């Protein structure tokens, strides 16, 4: 069904502010009221509101519960290596886990992870400290003696013999017996010793607490913390999103998935998609505009959503990012805040099915990349299903 562009544009902007839902108050297990061709599915823990719309359950969603990525991809940020002292570029294959793709730096501006200590993460997820080795904490392998002292200033005054991993590391280069009582901070005066990398040791031989202060130190105090993968931080993969994400929106409106269209559709201008750069009514002025056409649910009244189009990110890319990292990204929406972008990744007219994925981005001091890290499977919807649009 193709409808003319609605004249109630202002109403569309205002209604999300008037009709809100709090995710924290929803309850799971409700049956969908709208009929669909096949069961819809959200691929992470979720609740459903009284009308059957999927809503993420941030208290149960963890990175370890995400399905593997559906297709390979890459992000090239090698030009930043000189600025960051590491290269945040990466390539991934279909079937890779989100924990082997996302880095701490990708989440720096939308979570409290930079200031979290490993101890606070382990305590929250109930992971026993005694079961872990230095090799389990990926940041350790990226440190040198000098960077470790910078991250944990309290090490400076301790005698070398009191921190076995550092004593053994120095012993691997010279006879350390005469240095046993030397304050660790004095090692920085010798460039050879200061720059000894900890990955020269077999870190699996040392308990995690064998370096005093290590687990109490904020993650962003360690060198190269931003390039550390999520899966290299013990317990982080099992930390519920509500424990560390800072911008998970809980308010917005719903729509019906009225009709699913393939990429033979062209020149669609009544959209609810785009980016934070161009806004979310960005037209698809091209010959292939696969999309889902929306309708206003009966309980909202009116027709302000009728004929609105959510354009596929497989069809249209739009300006995204900002500053030194600006570029283009798949069109989509931010129903749950700016931590990630929800993108329509596939449409199947025959079955009336629409698939969605989410994308993350990378931020540094001079700007943010477009949302390019993904798509990680998010949910499938069918015609006449209820879909959450958020406010954006």
Protein backbone atom coordinates (compact mmCIF):
# COMPACT_ATOMS: atom_id res chain seq x y z
CA UNK A 1 0.00 0.00 0.00
CA UNK A 2 1.47 3.32 -1.06
CA UNK A 3 0.16 6.42 0.61
CA UNK A 4 0.77 10.07 -0.14
CA UNK A 5 3.15 11.99 2.07
CA UNK A 6 1.43 12.89 5.34
CA UNK A 7 0.69 16.53 6.04
CA UNK A 8 0.98 15.86 9.75
CA UNK A 9 4.77 16.22 9.86
CA UNK A 10 4.74 18.27 13.05
CA UNK A 11 2.47 15.76 14.70
CA UNK A 12 4.97 13.01 13.90
CA UNK A 13 7.66 14.97 15.69
CA UNK A 14 5.54 15.74 18.75
CA UNK A 15 3.77 12.46 19.38
CA UNK A 16 6.92 10.58 20.47
CA UNK A 17 7.25 13.07 23.31
CA UNK A 18 3.65 12.53 24.42
CA UNK A 19 3.37 8.78 24.05
CA UNK A 20 6.22 7.09 25.88
CA UNK A 21 6.95 3.72 27.35
CA UNK A 22 9.39 2.81 30.08
CA UNK A 23 11.29 -0.37 29.23
CA UNK A 24 12.00 -1.02 32.87
CA UNK A 25 8.26 -1.39 33.54
CA UNK A 26 7.46 -3.86 30.77
CA UNK A 27 7.02 -7.54 31.41
CA UNK A 28 7.93 -10.52 29.28
CA UNK A 29 5.79 -13.26 27.90
CA UNK A 30 2.93 -11.25 26.40
CA UNK A 31 1.50 -12.63 23.18
CA UNK A 32 1.65 -10.48 20.09
CA UNK A 33 -1.75 -9.11 19.23
CA UNK A 34 -1.00 -8.49 15.59
CA UNK A 35 -1.00 -11.46 13.26
CA UNK A 36 2.22 -12.20 11.35
CA UNK A 37 3.22 -14.64 8.65
CA UNK A 38 5.72 -16.35 10.95
CA UNK A 39 7.04 -15.84 14.46
CA UNK A 40 9.14 -12.71 14.78
CA UNK A 41 12.27 -12.94 16.88
CA UNK A 42 14.57 -10.71 18.88
CA UNK A 43 18.01 -12.30 19.14
CA UNK A 44 18.92 -10.93 22.57
CA UNK A 45 17.02 -11.11 25.89
CA UNK A 46 13.92 -8.96 25.68
CA UNK A 47 10.49 -8.18 27.01
CA UNK A 48 7.32 -7.38 25.09
CA UNK A 49 4.97 -4.54 25.83
CA UNK A 50 1.20 -5.09 26.08
CA UNK A 51 0.84 -4.64 22.30
CA UNK A 52 3.52 -7.20 21.46
CA UNK A 53 6.47 -4.95 20.56
CA UNK A 54 9.93 -6.25 21.37
CA UNK A 55 11.88 -4.20 23.90
CA UNK A 56 15.44 -5.09 24.91
CA UNK A 57 15.90 -6.18 28.51
CA UNK A 58 19.04 -4.27 29.40
CA UNK A 59 19.29 -6.08 32.74
CA UNK A 60 19.85 -9.40 30.93
CA UNK A 61 21.54 -8.46 27.66
CA UNK A 62 25.26 -9.21 27.62
CA UNK A 63 27.79 -9.37 24.79
CA UNK A 64 28.17 -13.11 25.32
CA UNK A 65 24.50 -13.63 24.33
CA UNK A 66 24.73 -11.94 20.91
CA UNK A 67 24.58 -14.18 17.84
CA UNK A 68 27.69 -14.25 15.71
CA UNK A 69 27.99 -11.65 12.97
CA UNK A 70 26.22 -12.50 9.73
CA UNK A 71 28.80 -11.19 7.27
CA UNK A 72 32.42 -10.13 7.17
CA UNK A 73 33.64 -6.56 7.13
CA UNK A 74 36.46 -4.21 8.07
CA UNK A 75 37.19 -0.70 9.29
CA UNK A 76 40.40 1.06 8.26
CA UNK A 77 41.66 3.58 10.81
CA UNK A 78 45.36 3.02 10.18
CA UNK A 79 45.88 6.75 9.64
CA UNK A 80 45.24 7.20 13.37
CA UNK A 81 48.03 4.87 14.49
CA UNK A 82 50.51 7.70 14.96
CA UNK A 83 48.04 9.74 16.98
CA UNK A 84 46.77 6.94 19.24
CA UNK A 85 49.97 4.89 19.50
CA UNK A 86 47.95 1.92 18.27
CA UNK A 87 45.98 0.98 15.18
CA UNK A 88 42.23 0.59 15.80
CA UNK A 89 41.68 -0.92 12.35
CA UNK A 90 40.27 -4.42 12.18
CA UNK A 91 38.83 -7.03 9.84
CA UNK A 92 36.26 -9.66 10.76
CA UNK A 93 34.74 -12.70 9.12
CA UNK A 94 31.17 -14.00 9.05
CA UNK A 95 30.65 -16.13 12.13
CA UNK A 96 32.88 -13.99 14.37
CA UNK A 97 31.64 -13.11 17.84
CA UNK A 98 30.96 -9.53 18.86
CA UNK A 99 33.50 -9.94 21.68
CA UNK A 100 36.25 -10.62 19.13
CA UNK A 101 35.41 -7.49 17.10
CA UNK A 102 34.45 -4.68 19.47
CA UNK A 103 37.25 -2.83 21.28
CA UNK A 104 37.07 -0.83 24.49
CA UNK A 105 37.74 2.32 22.46
CA UNK A 106 34.53 1.73 20.50
CA UNK A 107 32.57 2.14 23.74
CA UNK A 108 34.60 4.94 25.31
CA UNK A 109 32.01 7.71 24.92
CA UNK A 110 28.85 5.71 25.62
CA UNK A 111 29.84 3.60 28.64
CA UNK A 112 31.58 3.96 31.99
CA UNK A 113 34.14 1.32 31.03
CA UNK A 114 37.10 3.73 30.78
CA UNK A 115 36.85 4.47 34.50
CA UNK A 116 35.84 0.98 35.58
CA UNK A 117 38.39 -1.26 37.27
CA UNK A 118 38.67 -4.95 36.56
CA UNK A 119 37.75 -5.62 40.20
CA UNK A 120 34.41 -3.81 39.78
CA UNK A 121 33.58 -5.93 36.72
CA UNK A 122 34.54 -9.21 38.37
CA UNK A 123 32.53 -8.36 41.47
CA UNK A 124 29.41 -7.51 39.44
CA UNK A 125 29.43 -10.77 37.46
CA UNK A 126 30.59 -12.91 40.37
CA UNK A 127 33.75 -14.21 38.68
CA UNK A 128 36.24 -15.49 41.33
CA UNK A 129 39.57 -13.69 41.29
CA UNK A 130 41.45 -16.82 42.29
CA UNK A 131 40.57 -18.58 39.05
CA UNK A 132 42.28 -15.99 36.83
CA UNK A 133 45.82 -15.52 35.57
CA UNK A 134 47.61 -12.47 34.19
CA UNK A 135 47.16 -13.99 30.72
CA UNK A 136 43.39 -13.67 31.11
CA UNK A 137 43.59 -9.88 31.36
CA UNK A 138 44.47 -8.81 27.81
CA UNK A 139 45.75 -5.40 28.84
CA UNK A 140 48.69 -6.90 30.75
CA UNK A 141 50.38 -8.28 27.63
CA UNK A 142 50.35 -4.80 26.09
CA UNK A 143 52.27 -3.17 28.94
CA UNK A 144 55.93 -2.46 29.48
CA UNK A 145 57.50 -1.93 32.88
CA UNK A 146 57.34 1.81 32.32
CA UNK A 147 53.70 1.90 31.19
CA UNK A 148 52.70 -0.38 34.08
CA UNK A 149 54.33 1.98 36.60
CA UNK A 150 52.53 4.91 34.97
CA UNK A 151 49.20 3.08 35.25
CA UNK A 152 49.84 1.91 38.83
CA UNK A 153 51.97 4.57 40.56
CA UNK A 154 51.89 2.59 43.79
CA UNK A 155 54.32 0.10 42.28
CA UNK A 156 57.13 2.66 42.24
CA UNK A 157 58.06 2.32 45.90
CA UNK A 158 57.84 -1.46 46.13
CA UNK A 159 61.05 -3.53 46.02
CA UNK A 160 61.47 -5.45 42.80
CA UNK A 161 61.58 -8.80 44.62
CA UNK A 162 58.06 -8.23 46.00
CA UNK A 163 56.45 -8.34 42.54
CA UNK A 164 57.42 -11.69 41.09
CA UNK A 165 56.32 -11.12 37.48
CA UNK A 166 58.45 -7.97 37.24
CA UNK A 167 61.39 -9.62 39.02
CA UNK A 168 61.24 -12.53 36.58
CA UNK A 169 60.94 -10.13 33.65
CA UNK A 170 64.07 -8.25 34.67
CA UNK A 171 65.83 -11.57 35.32
CA UNK A 172 65.15 -12.58 31.73
CA UNK A 173 67.41 -9.74 30.59
CA UNK A 174 70.12 -9.52 33.29
CA UNK A 175 71.03 -10.98 36.66
CA UNK A 176 68.43 -9.36 38.88
CA UNK A 177 69.72 -10.60 42.23
CA UNK A 178 71.55 -7.35 42.93
CA UNK A 179 68.41 -5.41 42.07
CA UNK A 180 66.08 -7.39 44.32
CA UNK A 181 65.68 -4.55 46.83
CA UNK A 182 65.67 -1.78 44.24
CA UNK A 183 62.42 0.25 44.19
CA UNK A 184 60.55 -0.65 41.02
CA UNK A 185 60.27 3.02 40.06
CA UNK A 186 64.06 3.16 39.65
CA UNK A 187 63.85 0.74 36.73
CA UNK A 188 62.57 3.58 34.57
CA UNK A 189 66.00 5.20 34.63
CA UNK A 190 67.34 2.37 32.49
CA UNK A 191 65.72 2.49 29.02
CA UNK A 192 66.46 -1.19 28.44
CA UNK A 193 64.55 -2.20 31.55
CA UNK A 194 61.85 0.45 31.29
CA UNK A 195 60.81 -0.80 27.86
CA UNK A 196 60.74 -4.51 28.65
CA UNK A 197 57.35 -5.85 27.48
CA UNK A 198 55.37 -8.01 29.86
CA UNK A 199 54.38 -10.35 27.02
CA UNK A 200 57.97 -11.59 27.16
CA UNK A 201 56.77 -13.65 30.15
CA UNK A 202 54.46 -16.63 30.08
CA UNK A 203 51.67 -14.72 31.78
CA UNK A 204 49.66 -17.90 32.32
CA UNK A 205 52.14 -18.80 35.09
CA UNK A 206 51.16 -15.85 37.29
CA UNK A 207 48.03 -15.22 39.33
CA UNK A 208 46.04 -12.13 38.42
CA UNK A 209 46.70 -10.60 41.83
CA UNK A 210 50.47 -11.10 41.58
CA UNK A 211 50.82 -7.44 40.53
CA UNK A 212 49.62 -5.23 43.40
CA UNK A 213 47.00 -2.67 42.42
CA UNK A 214 46.39 -4.17 38.98
CA UNK A 215 42.73 -5.06 39.42
CA UNK A 216 41.90 -1.77 41.19
CA UNK A 217 43.21 0.45 38.39
CA UNK A 218 40.77 2.12 35.94
CA UNK A 219 41.06 0.52 32.51
CA UNK A 220 41.89 3.79 30.76
CA UNK A 221 45.07 4.18 32.81
CA UNK A 222 46.73 1.33 30.95
CA UNK A 223 48.63 1.87 27.71
CA UNK A 224 46.74 0.75 24.60
CA UNK A 225 43.55 0.18 26.59
CA UNK A 226 41.39 1.39 23.68
CA UNK A 227 42.49 -1.39 21.33
CA UNK A 228 41.75 -4.17 23.79
CA UNK A 229 38.95 -6.47 22.66
CA UNK A 230 35.86 -6.91 24.81
CA UNK A 231 36.63 -10.62 25.08
CA UNK A 232 40.06 -9.89 26.57
CA UNK A 233 38.62 -8.31 29.73
CA UNK A 234 37.56 -11.05 32.18
CA UNK A 235 33.87 -10.83 33.02
CA UNK A 236 33.05 -8.01 30.60
CA UNK A 237 31.30 -10.33 28.13
CA UNK A 238 28.86 -11.28 30.90
CA UNK A 239 28.28 -7.77 32.28
CA UNK A 240 24.63 -6.69 31.71
CA UNK A 241 24.29 -3.62 29.51
CA UNK A 242 22.51 -1.62 32.21
CA UNK A 243 25.66 -1.90 34.34
CA UNK A 244 27.90 0.08 31.99
CA UNK A 245 26.08 1.69 29.05
CA UNK A 246 25.17 5.30 29.83
CA UNK A 247 22.79 6.15 26.98
CA UNK A 248 20.14 3.46 26.66
CA UNK A 249 16.93 5.28 25.78
CA UNK A 250 13.76 3.97 27.37
CA UNK A 251 11.10 6.16 25.76
CA UNK A 252 9.42 6.31 22.38
CA UNK A 253 6.52 5.21 20.21
CA UNK A 254 5.47 2.15 18.28
CA UNK A 255 4.44 1.54 14.68
CA UNK A 256 3.10 -1.36 12.65
CA UNK A 257 5.20 -3.01 9.96
CA UNK A 258 2.56 -2.56 7.26
CA UNK A 259 4.27 -3.74 4.05
CA UNK A 260 7.77 -5.06 3.29
CA UNK A 261 9.28 -3.89 -0.03
CA UNK A 262 12.36 -5.02 -1.96
CA UNK A 263 14.97 -2.91 -3.72
CA UNK A 264 12.92 -2.37 -6.89
CA UNK A 265 11.26 0.52 -5.06
CA UNK A 266 12.68 3.92 -5.99
CA UNK A 267 12.73 7.52 -4.75
CA UNK A 268 11.15 7.34 -1.32
CA UNK A 269 10.91 10.63 0.59
CA UNK A 270 8.52 9.97 3.48
CA UNK A 271 11.17 8.34 5.64
CA UNK A 272 11.92 7.88 9.32
CA UNK A 273 15.57 6.98 8.71
CA UNK A 274 18.88 8.74 8.19
CA UNK A 275 21.65 9.60 10.65
CA UNK A 276 22.51 11.99 13.45
CA UNK A 277 24.20 14.16 10.81
CA UNK A 278 21.35 14.51 8.27
CA UNK A 279 18.38 13.81 10.52
CA UNK A 280 15.84 11.02 10.36
CA UNK A 281 13.56 12.07 7.53
CA UNK A 282 16.33 11.70 4.93
CA UNK A 283 15.00 10.90 1.44
CA UNK A 284 16.15 7.92 -0.59
CA UNK A 285 16.63 9.55 -3.99
CA UNK A 286 17.83 6.55 -5.95
CA UNK A 287 16.52 3.61 -7.97
CA UNK A 288 16.81 1.01 -5.20
CA UNK A 289 15.08 1.87 -1.93
CA UNK A 290 14.20 -1.38 -0.19
CA UNK A 291 12.18 -0.52 2.90
CA UNK A 292 9.37 -1.32 5.25
CA UNK A 293 6.29 0.87 5.09
CA UNK A 294 4.80 1.71 8.47
CA UNK A 295 1.30 2.36 9.75
CA UNK A 296 -0.12 3.88 12.91
CA UNK A 297 -1.31 1.27 15.44
CA UNK A 298 -5.02 1.54 16.25
CA UNK A 299 -4.41 2.29 19.91
CA UNK A 300 -2.46 5.47 19.06
CA UNK A 301 -5.24 6.88 16.92
CA UNK A 302 -4.79 9.06 13.86
CA UNK A 303 -2.72 8.33 10.78
CA UNK A 304 0.50 10.22 11.47
CA UNK A 305 2.71 7.17 10.83
CA UNK A 306 0.82 5.83 7.81
CA UNK A 307 3.07 5.52 4.80
CA UNK A 308 6.26 6.35 6.68
CA UNK A 309 9.25 4.41 5.31
CA UNK A 310 12.17 2.79 7.13
CA UNK A 311 14.79 2.50 4.38
CA UNK A 312 17.19 -0.44 4.24
CA UNK A 313 20.83 0.20 5.08
CA UNK A 314 21.73 -2.30 2.36
CA UNK A 315 20.21 0.11 -0.16
CA UNK A 316 21.15 3.54 1.16
CA UNK A 317 24.20 5.01 2.85
CA UNK A 318 24.12 8.48 4.34
CA UNK A 319 26.61 10.97 5.82
CA UNK A 320 27.68 9.95 9.31
CA UNK A 321 30.34 10.53 11.91
CA UNK A 322 31.97 13.87 12.57
CA UNK A 323 35.23 15.74 12.88
CA UNK A 324 38.35 14.00 11.67
CA UNK A 325 36.49 10.71 11.17
CA UNK A 326 33.38 11.81 9.23
CA UNK A 327 32.22 9.56 6.36
CA UNK A 328 29.14 7.53 5.38
CA UNK A 329 27.13 4.82 7.10
CA UNK A 330 24.02 2.66 6.52
CA UNK A 331 20.79 4.59 6.99
CA UNK A 332 18.78 3.69 10.07
CA UNK A 333 17.57 4.88 13.46
CA UNK A 334 18.62 5.20 17.10
CA UNK A 335 15.56 3.91 19.02
CA UNK A 336 17.66 3.18 22.11
CA UNK A 337 20.14 6.07 22.15
CA UNK A 338 23.41 6.69 20.37
CA UNK A 339 25.36 3.71 21.73
CA UNK A 340 24.52 1.80 18.54
CA UNK A 341 22.44 2.24 15.40
CA UNK A 342 19.57 -0.05 14.38
CA UNK A 343 19.61 -0.76 10.63
CA UNK A 344 17.21 -2.62 8.37
CA UNK A 345 19.58 -5.17 6.82
CA UNK A 346 17.31 -7.29 4.62
CA UNK A 347 13.78 -7.32 3.23
CA UNK A 348 11.92 -10.28 1.73
CA UNK A 349 8.68 -9.31 -0.02
CA UNK A 350 7.55 -12.90 -0.55
CA UNK A 351 7.53 -13.76 3.14
CA UNK A 352 6.93 -10.23 4.41
CA UNK A 353 10.05 -10.48 6.54
CA UNK A 354 12.37 -7.65 7.60
CA UNK A 355 15.71 -8.28 9.33
CA UNK A 356 17.53 -5.77 11.50
CA UNK A 357 21.09 -5.49 12.74
CA UNK A 358 23.00 -3.03 14.89
CA UNK A 359 26.19 -1.10 14.22
CA UNK A 360 28.69 0.48 16.61
CA UNK A 361 31.21 3.22 15.94
CA UNK A 362 34.63 4.38 17.15
CA UNK A 363 35.40 7.69 18.87
CA UNK A 364 38.55 9.65 19.68
CA UNK A 365 39.31 13.22 20.74
CA UNK A 366 38.93 14.70 17.24
CA UNK A 367 35.73 13.00 16.12
CA UNK A 368 33.62 9.88 15.65
CA UNK A 369 33.49 7.39 12.82
CA UNK A 370 30.22 6.60 11.08
CA UNK A 371 28.39 3.55 12.46
CA UNK A 372 30.32 0.90 10.54
CA UNK A 373 31.19 -1.87 13.01
CA UNK A 374 28.57 -4.53 12.31
CA UNK A 375 25.91 -5.53 11.52
CA UNK A 376 25.34 -7.69 14.57
CA UNK A 377 22.02 -9.60 14.36
CA UNK A 378 19.29 -7.81 16.32
CA UNK A 379 15.80 -9.02 15.33
CA UNK A 380 13.43 -10.13 12.58
CA UNK A 381 9.93 -8.68 12.05
CA UNK A 382 7.02 -9.53 9.76
CA UNK A 383 4.16 -7.58 8.25
CA UNK A 384 1.60 -6.54 10.90
CA UNK A 385 4.16 -6.91 13.69
CA UNK A 386 4.63 -4.05 16.13
CA UNK A 387 7.99 -2.29 15.99
CA UNK A 388 9.54 0.17 18.44
CA UNK A 389 10.67 3.45 16.85
CA UNK A 390 11.97 5.35 19.88
CA UNK A 391 12.01 9.13 19.84
CA UNK A 392 14.83 9.90 17.38
